[in-house]
């Protein structure tokens, strides 16, 4: 069994997939509710987050995974933050999002 050259590669991919899924879902909601621009705003933010997911510093992603575990996709705090994007919060990069999630988890959210 070979060891991957970057043990965090799967986490970068998962993070990017989560953002891409959210962007698609928000784009669909934007079509369903064209008078509410927040869904399209959220889709645009998620597109930006997906584009920057692989640029999250490895130490930041490792700290996140250490804090929340391998199955972070199901983490309620993550789901809550995803729901708020474009409505309550915005992030310039995936790193900003991950750092905010780390801060929330450390604060007990």
N, C-alpha and C. Protein backbone atom coordinates (compact mmCIF):
# COMPACT_ATOMS: atom_id res chain seq x y z
N UNK A 1 0.85 -1.17 0.00
CA UNK A 1 0.00 0.00 0.00
C UNK A 1 0.90 1.23 0.00
N UNK A 2 0.68 2.13 -0.93
CA UNK A 2 1.52 3.33 -1.01
C UNK A 2 0.91 4.45 -0.19
N UNK A 3 1.78 5.32 0.31
CA UNK A 3 1.35 6.47 1.08
C UNK A 3 1.23 7.66 0.15
N UNK A 4 0.11 8.39 0.19
CA UNK A 4 -0.02 9.55 -0.70
C UNK A 4 1.05 10.58 -0.35
N UNK A 5 1.50 11.32 -1.39
CA UNK A 5 2.55 12.31 -1.18
C UNK A 5 2.05 13.45 -0.30
N UNK A 6 0.77 13.74 -0.34
CA UNK A 6 0.21 14.78 0.51
C UNK A 6 -0.96 14.17 1.28
N UNK A 7 -0.74 13.88 2.57
CA UNK A 7 -1.81 13.23 3.33
C UNK A 7 -3.06 14.10 3.49
N UNK A 8 -2.93 15.40 3.25
CA UNK A 8 -4.09 16.29 3.37
C UNK A 8 -4.85 16.44 2.05
N UNK A 9 -4.35 15.84 0.98
CA UNK A 9 -4.95 16.03 -0.34
C UNK A 9 -6.44 15.70 -0.35
N UNK A 10 -6.83 14.63 0.32
CA UNK A 10 -8.25 14.25 0.34
C UNK A 10 -9.08 15.30 1.05
N UNK A 11 -8.52 15.94 2.08
CA UNK A 11 -9.25 16.97 2.80
C UNK A 11 -9.43 18.23 1.95
N UNK A 12 -8.38 18.59 1.21
CA UNK A 12 -8.52 19.72 0.29
C UNK A 12 -9.63 19.45 -0.71
N UNK A 13 -9.64 18.23 -1.26
CA UNK A 13 -10.66 17.85 -2.24
C UNK A 13 -12.05 17.86 -1.64
N UNK A 14 -12.19 17.33 -0.44
CA UNK A 14 -13.49 17.32 0.22
C UNK A 14 -13.99 18.73 0.47
N UNK A 15 -13.11 19.59 0.94
CA UNK A 15 -13.48 20.97 1.18
C UNK A 15 -13.94 21.64 -0.12
N UNK A 16 -13.20 21.41 -1.19
CA UNK A 16 -13.55 21.99 -2.48
C UNK A 16 -14.90 21.44 -2.96
N UNK A 17 -15.13 20.15 -2.79
CA UNK A 17 -16.40 19.54 -3.19
C UNK A 17 -17.57 20.14 -2.41
N UNK A 18 -17.38 20.34 -1.13
CA UNK A 18 -18.45 20.93 -0.30
C UNK A 18 -18.81 22.31 -0.85
N UNK A 19 -17.81 23.13 -1.13
CA UNK A 19 -18.07 24.47 -1.66
C UNK A 19 -18.72 24.40 -3.04
N UNK A 20 -18.28 23.49 -3.89
CA UNK A 20 -18.88 23.35 -5.22
C UNK A 20 -20.34 22.91 -5.13
N UNK A 21 -20.63 21.96 -4.24
CA UNK A 21 -22.01 21.50 -4.04
C UNK A 21 -22.89 22.65 -3.57
N UNK A 22 -22.38 23.44 -2.64
CA UNK A 22 -23.14 24.58 -2.13
C UNK A 22 -23.37 25.62 -3.22
N UNK A 23 -22.37 25.85 -4.05
CA UNK A 23 -22.51 26.82 -5.15
C UNK A 23 -23.60 26.37 -6.12
N UNK A 24 -23.61 25.09 -6.45
CA UNK A 24 -24.65 24.56 -7.36
C UNK A 24 -26.04 24.70 -6.73
N UNK A 25 -26.14 24.32 -5.46
CA UNK A 25 -27.44 24.36 -4.78
C UNK A 25 -27.94 25.80 -4.68
N UNK A 26 -27.05 26.72 -4.32
CA UNK A 26 -27.45 28.13 -4.21
C UNK A 26 -27.82 28.71 -5.58
N UNK A 27 -27.15 28.28 -6.63
CA UNK A 27 -27.50 28.74 -7.98
C UNK A 27 -28.91 28.27 -8.35
N UNK A 28 -29.23 27.04 -7.98
CA UNK A 28 -30.58 26.53 -8.23
C UNK A 28 -31.62 27.34 -7.45
N UNK A 29 -31.30 27.64 -6.19
CA UNK A 29 -32.21 28.44 -5.37
C UNK A 29 -32.36 29.86 -5.92
N UNK A 30 -31.29 30.39 -6.50
CA UNK A 30 -31.36 31.74 -7.09
C UNK A 30 -32.34 31.75 -8.27
N UNK A 31 -32.38 30.67 -9.03
CA UNK A 31 -33.34 30.57 -10.14
C UNK A 31 -34.76 30.41 -9.61
N UNK A 32 -34.89 29.66 -8.53
CA UNK A 32 -36.20 29.41 -7.91
C UNK A 32 -36.76 30.69 -7.26
N UNK A 33 -35.87 31.51 -6.71
CA UNK A 33 -36.26 32.74 -6.02
C UNK A 33 -35.48 33.92 -6.60
N UNK A 34 -35.80 34.32 -7.82
CA UNK A 34 -35.00 35.36 -8.50
C UNK A 34 -35.04 36.73 -7.83
N UNK A 35 -36.04 36.99 -7.03
CA UNK A 35 -36.12 38.29 -6.37
C UNK A 35 -35.25 38.39 -5.12
N UNK A 36 -34.71 37.27 -4.67
CA UNK A 36 -33.84 37.25 -3.49
C UNK A 36 -32.40 37.06 -3.96
N UNK A 37 -31.65 38.15 -4.00
CA UNK A 37 -30.28 38.11 -4.55
C UNK A 37 -29.30 37.38 -3.63
N UNK A 38 -29.70 37.11 -2.41
CA UNK A 38 -28.77 36.48 -1.47
C UNK A 38 -28.32 35.10 -1.93
N UNK A 39 -29.20 34.35 -2.59
CA UNK A 39 -28.80 33.03 -3.07
C UNK A 39 -27.72 33.13 -4.15
N UNK A 40 -27.87 34.07 -5.07
CA UNK A 40 -26.84 34.24 -6.10
C UNK A 40 -25.55 34.76 -5.48
N UNK A 41 -25.68 35.66 -4.51
CA UNK A 41 -24.49 36.14 -3.79
C UNK A 41 -23.77 34.97 -3.13
N UNK A 42 -24.54 34.10 -2.48
CA UNK A 42 -23.95 32.93 -1.82
C UNK A 42 -23.29 32.01 -2.84
N UNK A 43 -23.93 31.79 -3.98
CA UNK A 43 -23.34 30.95 -5.02
C UNK A 43 -21.99 31.52 -5.47
N UNK A 44 -21.94 32.83 -5.65
CA UNK A 44 -20.69 33.47 -6.06
C UNK A 44 -19.61 33.31 -4.99
N UNK A 45 -19.99 33.47 -3.74
CA UNK A 45 -19.03 33.29 -2.64
C UNK A 45 -18.52 31.86 -2.63
N UNK A 46 -19.42 30.89 -2.76
CA UNK A 46 -19.00 29.49 -2.75
C UNK A 46 -18.11 29.16 -3.94
N UNK A 47 -18.38 29.75 -5.10
CA UNK A 47 -17.48 29.56 -6.24
C UNK A 47 -16.07 30.04 -5.89
N UNK A 48 -16.00 31.19 -5.24
CA UNK A 48 -14.71 31.75 -4.84
C UNK A 48 -14.04 30.85 -3.80
N UNK A 49 -14.81 30.35 -2.85
CA UNK A 49 -14.24 29.46 -1.84
C UNK A 49 -13.72 28.17 -2.47
N UNK A 50 -14.48 27.61 -3.40
CA UNK A 50 -14.04 26.40 -4.09
C UNK A 50 -12.74 26.64 -4.85
N UNK A 51 -12.64 27.80 -5.47
CA UNK A 51 -11.44 28.13 -6.26
C UNK A 51 -10.21 28.31 -5.38
N UNK A 52 -10.41 28.61 -4.10
CA UNK A 52 -9.27 28.84 -3.21
C UNK A 52 -9.05 27.71 -2.21
N UNK A 53 -9.83 26.65 -2.31
CA UNK A 53 -9.74 25.56 -1.32
C UNK A 53 -8.34 24.94 -1.27
N UNK A 54 -7.71 24.77 -2.40
CA UNK A 54 -6.39 24.15 -2.41
C UNK A 54 -5.29 25.08 -1.92
N UNK A 55 -5.64 26.34 -1.68
CA UNK A 55 -4.66 27.31 -1.18
C UNK A 55 -4.71 27.47 0.33
N UNK A 56 -5.59 26.74 0.99
CA UNK A 56 -5.62 26.77 2.45
C UNK A 56 -4.26 26.23 2.92
N UNK A 57 -3.56 26.97 3.76
CA UNK A 57 -2.27 26.46 4.23
C UNK A 57 -2.42 25.09 4.89
N UNK A 58 -1.52 24.18 4.58
CA UNK A 58 -1.63 22.83 5.15
C UNK A 58 -1.72 22.81 6.67
N UNK A 59 -1.01 23.71 7.35
CA UNK A 59 -1.07 23.72 8.81
C UNK A 59 -2.45 24.12 9.31
N UNK A 60 -3.12 25.02 8.58
CA UNK A 60 -4.47 25.44 8.96
C UNK A 60 -5.45 24.28 8.75
N UNK A 61 -5.36 23.62 7.61
CA UNK A 61 -6.25 22.49 7.35
C UNK A 61 -5.98 21.35 8.33
N UNK A 62 -4.71 21.10 8.63
CA UNK A 62 -4.38 20.04 9.59
C UNK A 62 -4.94 20.37 10.97
N UNK A 63 -4.85 21.63 11.38
CA UNK A 63 -5.40 22.03 12.68
C UNK A 63 -6.91 21.83 12.70
N UNK A 64 -7.56 22.15 11.59
CA UNK A 64 -9.00 21.96 11.47
C UNK A 64 -9.37 20.48 11.59
N UNK A 65 -8.68 19.63 10.82
CA UNK A 65 -8.97 18.20 10.84
C UNK A 65 -8.70 17.62 12.22
N UNK A 66 -7.62 18.06 12.85
CA UNK A 66 -7.31 17.58 14.21
C UNK A 66 -8.41 17.98 15.19
N UNK A 67 -8.96 19.15 15.01
CA UNK A 67 -9.98 19.66 15.92
C UNK A 67 -11.32 18.96 15.73
N UNK A 68 -11.70 18.69 14.47
CA UNK A 68 -13.05 18.18 14.20
C UNK A 68 -13.10 16.73 13.74
N UNK A 69 -11.98 16.17 13.31
CA UNK A 69 -11.97 14.77 12.87
C UNK A 69 -12.16 14.62 11.38
N UNK A 70 -12.07 13.37 10.94
CA UNK A 70 -12.11 13.05 9.52
C UNK A 70 -13.47 13.29 8.86
N UNK A 71 -14.52 13.12 9.61
CA UNK A 71 -15.86 13.20 9.04
C UNK A 71 -16.45 14.60 9.18
N UNK A 72 -15.66 15.60 8.84
CA UNK A 72 -16.12 16.97 9.07
C UNK A 72 -17.27 17.38 8.18
N UNK A 73 -17.51 16.67 7.09
CA UNK A 73 -18.63 16.99 6.20
C UNK A 73 -19.96 17.00 6.96
N UNK A 74 -20.09 16.14 7.96
CA UNK A 74 -21.33 16.01 8.73
C UNK A 74 -21.38 16.91 9.97
N UNK A 75 -20.36 17.64 10.21
CA UNK A 75 -20.26 18.48 11.40
C UNK A 75 -21.35 19.56 11.39
N UNK A 76 -22.12 19.62 12.46
CA UNK A 76 -23.23 20.58 12.53
C UNK A 76 -22.73 22.02 12.44
N UNK A 77 -21.60 22.32 13.07
CA UNK A 77 -21.05 23.68 13.00
C UNK A 77 -20.72 24.06 11.56
N UNK A 78 -20.21 23.11 10.79
CA UNK A 78 -19.93 23.35 9.37
C UNK A 78 -21.22 23.62 8.62
N UNK A 79 -22.23 22.80 8.85
CA UNK A 79 -23.50 22.96 8.16
C UNK A 79 -24.12 24.32 8.48
N UNK A 80 -24.02 24.74 9.72
CA UNK A 80 -24.57 26.05 10.12
C UNK A 80 -23.83 27.19 9.42
N UNK A 81 -22.51 27.09 9.35
CA UNK A 81 -21.75 28.14 8.67
C UNK A 81 -22.07 28.17 7.18
N UNK A 82 -22.25 27.01 6.57
CA UNK A 82 -22.60 26.96 5.15
C UNK A 82 -23.95 27.62 4.90
N UNK A 83 -24.91 27.39 5.79
CA UNK A 83 -26.24 28.00 5.64
C UNK A 83 -26.17 29.52 5.71
N UNK A 84 -25.24 30.05 6.47
CA UNK A 84 -25.16 31.50 6.68
C UNK A 84 -24.44 32.26 5.58
N UNK A 85 -23.67 31.56 4.76
CA UNK A 85 -22.90 32.23 3.71
C UNK A 85 -23.85 32.94 2.74
N UNK A 86 -23.57 34.22 2.52
CA UNK A 86 -24.37 35.02 1.61
C UNK A 86 -25.60 35.65 2.25
N UNK A 87 -25.93 35.18 3.44
CA UNK A 87 -27.09 35.70 4.16
C UNK A 87 -26.64 36.48 5.39
N UNK A 88 -25.77 35.87 6.19
CA UNK A 88 -25.29 36.47 7.43
C UNK A 88 -23.79 36.75 7.34
N UNK A 89 -23.08 35.92 6.61
CA UNK A 89 -21.63 36.02 6.58
C UNK A 89 -21.09 35.88 5.16
N UNK A 90 -19.85 36.33 5.01
CA UNK A 90 -19.15 36.18 3.74
C UNK A 90 -17.68 35.93 4.04
N UNK A 91 -17.01 35.29 3.13
CA UNK A 91 -15.60 34.97 3.28
C UNK A 91 -14.91 35.23 1.95
N UNK A 92 -13.71 35.80 2.03
CA UNK A 92 -12.96 36.08 0.81
C UNK A 92 -12.29 34.84 0.25
N UNK A 93 -11.85 33.96 1.15
CA UNK A 93 -11.13 32.76 0.72
C UNK A 93 -11.56 31.56 1.55
N UNK A 94 -11.22 30.39 1.06
CA UNK A 94 -11.48 29.17 1.81
C UNK A 94 -10.70 29.18 3.13
N UNK A 95 -9.51 29.76 3.12
CA UNK A 95 -8.75 29.86 4.36
C UNK A 95 -9.51 30.66 5.41
N UNK A 96 -10.11 31.77 4.99
CA UNK A 96 -10.91 32.57 5.92
C UNK A 96 -12.04 31.73 6.52
N UNK A 97 -12.70 30.95 5.68
CA UNK A 97 -13.80 30.11 6.13
C UNK A 97 -13.31 29.07 7.14
N UNK A 98 -12.22 28.39 6.81
CA UNK A 98 -11.69 27.34 7.70
C UNK A 98 -11.23 27.95 9.02
N UNK A 99 -10.56 29.09 8.96
CA UNK A 99 -10.12 29.75 10.20
C UNK A 99 -11.32 30.15 11.07
N UNK A 100 -12.38 30.62 10.44
CA UNK A 100 -13.58 30.98 11.19
C UNK A 100 -14.22 29.75 11.82
N UNK A 101 -14.22 28.65 11.10
CA UNK A 101 -14.78 27.41 11.64
C UNK A 101 -13.95 26.90 12.82
N UNK A 102 -12.64 27.00 12.70
CA UNK A 102 -11.76 26.63 13.81
C UNK A 102 -12.07 27.49 15.03
N UNK A 103 -12.18 28.78 14.81
CA UNK A 103 -12.47 29.71 15.92
C UNK A 103 -13.81 29.37 16.56
N UNK A 104 -14.81 29.08 15.74
CA UNK A 104 -16.13 28.72 16.26
C UNK A 104 -16.08 27.45 17.10
N UNK A 105 -15.35 26.46 16.61
CA UNK A 105 -15.25 25.19 17.35
C UNK A 105 -14.51 25.37 18.66
N UNK A 106 -13.46 26.18 18.64
CA UNK A 106 -12.70 26.43 19.87
C UNK A 106 -13.54 27.21 20.88
N UNK A 107 -14.47 28.02 20.35
CA UNK A 107 -15.35 28.81 21.23
C UNK A 107 -16.54 27.98 21.71
N UNK A 108 -16.65 26.76 21.19
CA UNK A 108 -17.73 25.89 21.64
C UNK A 108 -18.95 25.90 20.75
N UNK A 109 -18.87 26.54 19.59
CA UNK A 109 -20.03 26.61 18.68
C UNK A 109 -20.22 25.30 17.95
